[in-house]
Structures are given as structure tokens and as C-alpha cells.
Amino acid sequence: MLKSYKYRIYPNKPQISKLENTLSMCRTLYNNALEHRKISYNQHGRFVTYQEQQNALPEIKTLFPWYKNPYSLVLQDVLHRVDKAFTNFYRRCKDSSIKEKGFPRFKKRGGYNSLTYSQYNKYPDNFVKVPKIGEIKIRYHRNIPVDATIKTMTISKESDKWFVCFSVEAETSLQQEPKPETIKSVGIDVGLIDFIYTSDNE
């Protein structure tokens, strides 16, 4: 079973600059991949697959060298998101009960605010190691169980704050929080005429 653990992180100024540049490049890649699929279908009636776009990444890095800076799995995740958006769109098109089909939309500035690192398996302590970014200070207030396996790490920007979320795979027993013992409780109303009046009519 999968479970998420989310923490506040505190990147320094150079790290913030790298994160924001990466977000900007990922947004551009997302929009270009979406446009590619749209043109291919409108002009040739052909559906572009994730594998085709993923295979084009080396050429993109050659034509636009700055795309060598982001971690490769982050760029692949961008294309996975585009693919998922179209998969959901096609599913809605087949469902006659859904009126709004919701064709995938381009991401506006500030509309792409997270980076996902798949195949990530490093446990944090006082810092979290982010490929191509460095070690970022983390408020590690809740331990990830040692028996859990980290599957992905996602860094997101919410307003001016940064967060990291780990998706972990764990045994069912790790998903269940221990239940507290049931203790009978009574509400007490302190009055002016009667000293107290309890919820069980005493």
C-alpha cells in the first residue's frame, strides 16, 4: 500500500533559483509536448505516444543545451503528466455521461509548481538530497518507517513556501494508526445558580 509523508523544506537562494528555473523549463516542455500532440492529431489524425516524446528528449537537449540541467527523470515525469492528461481526456470522450470532456490545457506561468523524482530511495534526516539541486534543509518532524520503501519524491512550491512529499510503499500494518483506548467523558457546565451541571444529568 502507498502512503505519503509531507515536510516543509528550506532551500537557500541558489537552490531556489535552480528549482524555479527547473519549474519554468518543465512548464515549457509540458506545453510543447501538448502542442506537439495537438498538431499531430489535427494535421495528420495521428496520436503521439509517450514513448515517442520520451525518445525525443536527447535531441531536445542537443538543440536546447539548458535542458541538460534538470534531472532526466524529472523531464520524463513531465511527459508522463502530458500522457496522463490525454489518457484521461480520451476516457472522458468515451463516457457519454460526462458532458465536459476537458481537453488538456496549456500551463500558464505559475501553473506548473511541482517536480517529481521517480525511483528515488534516499531517506531524509536533517537534509534531503535533491539531484542536480543539492542538500536542502528539511523539517523532518515525522519519521518514515524503516520498513517502508520510498518510491518517489515530489518537491512543490505553495505560495512562497517549499515542500517535499515522499510516496512510500509499506506493509498494511504500517498504514494503521493505533487506536486510543476508549475513555468515558462527561461535559460540565459551571453555572451561577447551580454550582455545576453535567451532561449525564447530575
Protein backbone atom coordinates (compact mmCIF):
# COMPACT_ATOMS: atom_id res chain seq x y z
CA MET A 1 0.00 0.00 0.00
CA LEU A 2 1.13 3.56 -0.69
CA LYS A 3 1.34 6.34 1.85
CA SER A 4 2.60 9.92 1.61
CA TYR A 5 4.81 11.86 4.01
CA LYS A 6 4.97 15.61 3.50
CA TYR A 7 7.51 18.02 5.03
CA ARG A 8 8.47 21.67 4.86
CA ILE A 9 11.88 22.32 3.28
CA TYR A 10 14.07 25.43 3.35
CA PRO A 11 16.16 25.82 0.18
CA ASN A 12 18.75 28.60 0.13
CA LYS A 13 18.75 31.33 -2.53
CA PRO A 14 20.89 29.47 -5.12
CA GLN A 15 18.75 26.36 -4.64
CA ILE A 16 15.54 28.36 -5.01
CA SER A 17 16.90 29.78 -8.26
CA LYS A 18 17.64 26.26 -9.57
CA LEU A 19 14.22 24.96 -8.50
CA GLU A 20 12.36 27.84 -10.11
CA ASN A 21 14.40 27.55 -13.33
CA THR A 22 13.62 23.84 -13.44
CA LEU A 23 9.91 24.51 -12.91
CA SER A 24 10.00 27.03 -15.76
CA MET A 25 11.71 24.59 -18.14
CA CYS A 26 9.29 21.81 -17.17
CA ARG A 27 6.32 24.07 -17.85
CA THR A 28 7.73 24.90 -21.30
CA LEU A 29 8.36 21.23 -22.03
CA TYR A 30 4.82 20.34 -20.93
CA ASN A 31 3.28 22.97 -23.21
CA ASN A 32 5.47 21.98 -26.17
CA ALA A 33 4.64 18.30 -25.71
CA LEU A 34 0.95 19.14 -25.56
CA GLU A 35 1.22 21.31 -28.70
CA HIS A 36 3.08 18.50 -30.49
CA ARG A 37 0.24 16.06 -29.80
CA LYS A 38 -2.40 18.60 -30.76
CA ILE A 39 -0.78 19.47 -34.12
CA SER A 40 -0.10 15.81 -34.92
CA TYR A 41 -3.75 14.91 -34.46
CA ASN A 42 -5.24 17.99 -36.16
CA GLN A 43 -2.96 17.84 -39.21
CA HIS A 44 -2.35 14.11 -39.60
CA GLY A 45 -5.02 12.42 -37.46
CA ARG A 46 -2.25 10.61 -35.58
CA PHE A 47 -1.91 10.11 -31.83
CA VAL A 48 1.55 10.76 -30.40
CA THR A 49 2.66 8.34 -27.69
CA TYR A 50 4.66 8.92 -24.53
CA GLN A 51 7.46 6.73 -25.87
CA GLU A 52 7.84 8.90 -28.97
CA GLN A 53 8.16 12.06 -26.93
CA GLN A 54 10.45 10.42 -24.40
CA ASN A 55 12.75 9.26 -27.22
CA ALA A 56 12.95 12.87 -28.46
CA LEU A 57 14.47 14.15 -25.19
CA PRO A 58 18.12 13.62 -26.29
CA GLU A 59 17.50 15.70 -29.41
CA ILE A 60 15.81 18.40 -27.33
CA LYS A 61 18.88 18.54 -25.07
CA THR A 62 21.09 18.92 -28.13
CA LEU A 63 19.02 21.75 -29.62
CA PHE A 64 18.45 23.43 -26.25
CA PRO A 65 21.50 22.69 -24.03
CA TRP A 66 19.90 24.21 -20.91
CA TYR A 67 17.64 21.15 -20.77
CA LYS A 68 20.71 19.19 -19.67
CA ASN A 69 20.48 20.92 -16.29
CA PRO A 70 17.24 19.35 -14.96
CA TYR A 71 17.38 15.76 -13.73
CA SER A 72 16.41 13.41 -16.59
CA LEU A 73 13.70 11.57 -14.62
CA VAL A 74 12.05 14.91 -13.83
CA LEU A 75 11.75 15.64 -17.56
CA GLN A 76 10.37 12.16 -18.18
CA ASP A 77 7.75 12.78 -15.49
CA VAL A 78 6.66 15.93 -17.36
CA LEU A 79 5.91 13.79 -20.42
CA HIS A 80 4.13 11.24 -18.22
CA ARG A 81 1.86 14.06 -17.00
CA VAL A 82 1.03 15.06 -20.57
CA ASP A 83 0.32 11.44 -21.43
CA LYS A 84 -1.91 11.05 -18.38
CA ALA A 85 -3.82 14.24 -19.26
CA PHE A 86 -4.61 12.86 -22.74
CA THR A 87 -5.45 9.40 -21.42
CA ASN A 88 -8.00 10.93 -19.06
CA PHE A 89 -9.36 13.09 -21.89
CA TYR A 90 -9.88 10.07 -24.16
CA ARG A 91 -11.57 8.20 -21.31
CA ARG A 92 -13.99 11.09 -20.77
CA CYS A 93 -14.74 11.22 -24.51
CA LYS A 94 -15.85 7.60 -24.40
CA ASP A 95 -18.13 8.23 -21.41
CA SER A 96 -21.42 9.69 -22.70
CA SER A 97 -22.49 10.63 -19.16
CA ILE A 98 -19.67 13.21 -18.94
CA LYS A 99 -20.64 16.44 -20.72
CA GLU A 100 -17.43 18.42 -20.15
CA LYS A 101 -14.66 16.42 -21.82
CA GLY A 102 -11.91 18.77 -20.66
CA PHE A 103 -9.28 18.88 -23.41
CA PRO A 104 -5.79 19.19 -21.83
CA ARG A 105 -4.82 22.81 -21.27
CA PHE A 106 -1.54 24.63 -21.50
CA LYS A 107 0.13 25.56 -18.21
CA LYS A 108 0.24 29.29 -17.55
CA ARG A 109 3.11 30.99 -15.76
CA GLY A 110 2.99 29.77 -12.17
CA GLY A 111 0.68 26.93 -13.13
CA TYR A 112 3.38 24.27 -13.01
CA ASN A 113 4.54 24.08 -9.41
CA SER A 114 5.94 20.61 -8.67
CA LEU A 115 8.83 18.36 -9.67
CA THR A 116 8.63 14.58 -9.29
CA TYR A 117 11.71 12.43 -8.91
CA SER A 118 10.77 8.83 -9.68
CA GLN A 119 12.90 5.90 -8.49
CA TYR A 120 14.02 7.97 -5.50
CA ASN A 121 15.01 5.88 -2.47
CA LYS A 122 17.07 8.04 -0.10
CA TYR A 123 15.77 8.61 3.42
CA PRO A 124 15.99 12.21 4.71
CA ASP A 125 17.43 13.28 8.06
CA ASN A 126 18.24 16.95 8.64
CA PHE A 127 18.61 17.39 4.90
CA VAL A 128 17.06 15.91 1.77
CA LYS A 129 19.34 15.17 -1.18
CA VAL A 130 17.86 16.51 -4.42
CA PRO A 131 19.61 15.51 -7.68
CA LYS A 132 21.09 18.49 -9.56
CA ILE A 133 19.96 20.83 -6.74
CA GLY A 134 21.91 19.75 -3.65
CA GLU A 135 21.14 19.08 0.01
CA ILE A 136 18.13 21.06 1.22
CA LYS A 137 17.30 21.58 4.89
CA ILE A 138 14.12 19.77 5.91
CA ARG A 139 11.85 19.92 8.94
CA TYR A 140 11.79 16.17 9.49
CA HIS A 141 9.07 16.10 12.16
CA ARG A 142 7.76 12.58 11.44
CA ASN A 143 9.94 9.58 10.68
CA ILE A 144 9.32 7.45 7.62
CA PRO A 145 9.14 3.80 8.83
CA VAL A 146 12.40 1.96 8.20
CA ASP A 147 10.43 -0.96 6.72
CA ALA A 148 8.81 1.32 4.13
CA THR A 149 10.24 1.69 0.62
CA ILE A 150 10.42 5.18 -0.84
CA LYS A 151 9.10 5.16 -4.43
CA THR A 152 9.02 8.81 -5.49
CA MET A 153 9.87 12.27 -4.16
CA THR A 154 7.94 15.39 -5.20
CA ILE A 155 9.07 18.94 -4.48
CA SER A 156 6.35 21.58 -4.69
CA LYS A 157 6.04 25.33 -4.29
CA GLU A 158 2.97 26.63 -2.45
CA SER A 159 2.87 30.44 -2.40
CA ASP A 160 6.41 31.28 -1.26
CA LYS A 161 6.91 28.05 0.70
CA TRP A 162 8.56 24.83 -0.45
CA PHE A 163 7.57 21.30 0.49
CA VAL A 164 8.75 17.77 -0.20
CA CYS A 165 6.44 14.76 -0.33
CA PHE A 166 7.65 11.15 -0.27
CA SER A 167 5.42 8.42 -1.66
CA VAL A 168 6.30 5.20 0.14
CA GLU A 169 5.24 1.61 -0.16
CA ALA A 170 4.57 -0.04 3.18
CA GLU A 171 3.02 -3.10 4.72
CA THR A 172 -0.65 -2.78 5.69
CA SER A 173 0.27 -2.76 9.37
CA LEU A 174 2.23 0.46 8.85
CA GLN A 175 -0.84 2.16 7.42
CA GLN A 176 -2.93 1.71 10.54
CA GLU A 177 -2.54 4.18 13.38
CA PRO A 178 -3.00 2.62 16.84
CA LYS A 179 -6.45 3.34 18.23
CA PRO A 180 -6.55 5.07 21.63
CA GLU A 181 -8.35 3.36 24.47
CA THR A 182 -11.98 4.43 24.79
CA ILE A 183 -12.48 6.55 27.89
CA LYS A 184 -15.89 7.75 29.05
CA SER A 185 -16.08 11.53 29.23
CA VAL A 186 -18.56 13.96 30.78
CA GLY A 187 -19.20 17.60 29.90
CA ILE A 188 -19.51 20.04 32.82
CA ASP A 189 -21.35 23.37 32.73
CA VAL A 190 -20.31 25.73 35.55
CA GLY A 191 -23.31 27.92 36.45
CA LEU A 192 -24.18 30.80 38.74
CA ILE A 193 -27.29 29.32 40.36
CA ASP A 194 -26.27 25.64 40.35
CA PHE A 195 -22.58 25.06 41.02
CA ILE A 196 -22.20 22.57 38.14
CA TYR A 197 -24.48 20.64 35.79
CA THR A 198 -23.08 17.61 33.99
CA SER A 199 -24.05 16.15 30.61
CA ASP A 200 -25.34 12.98 32.28
CA ASN A 201 -27.88 14.99 34.34
CA GLU A 202 -26.06 15.13 37.67
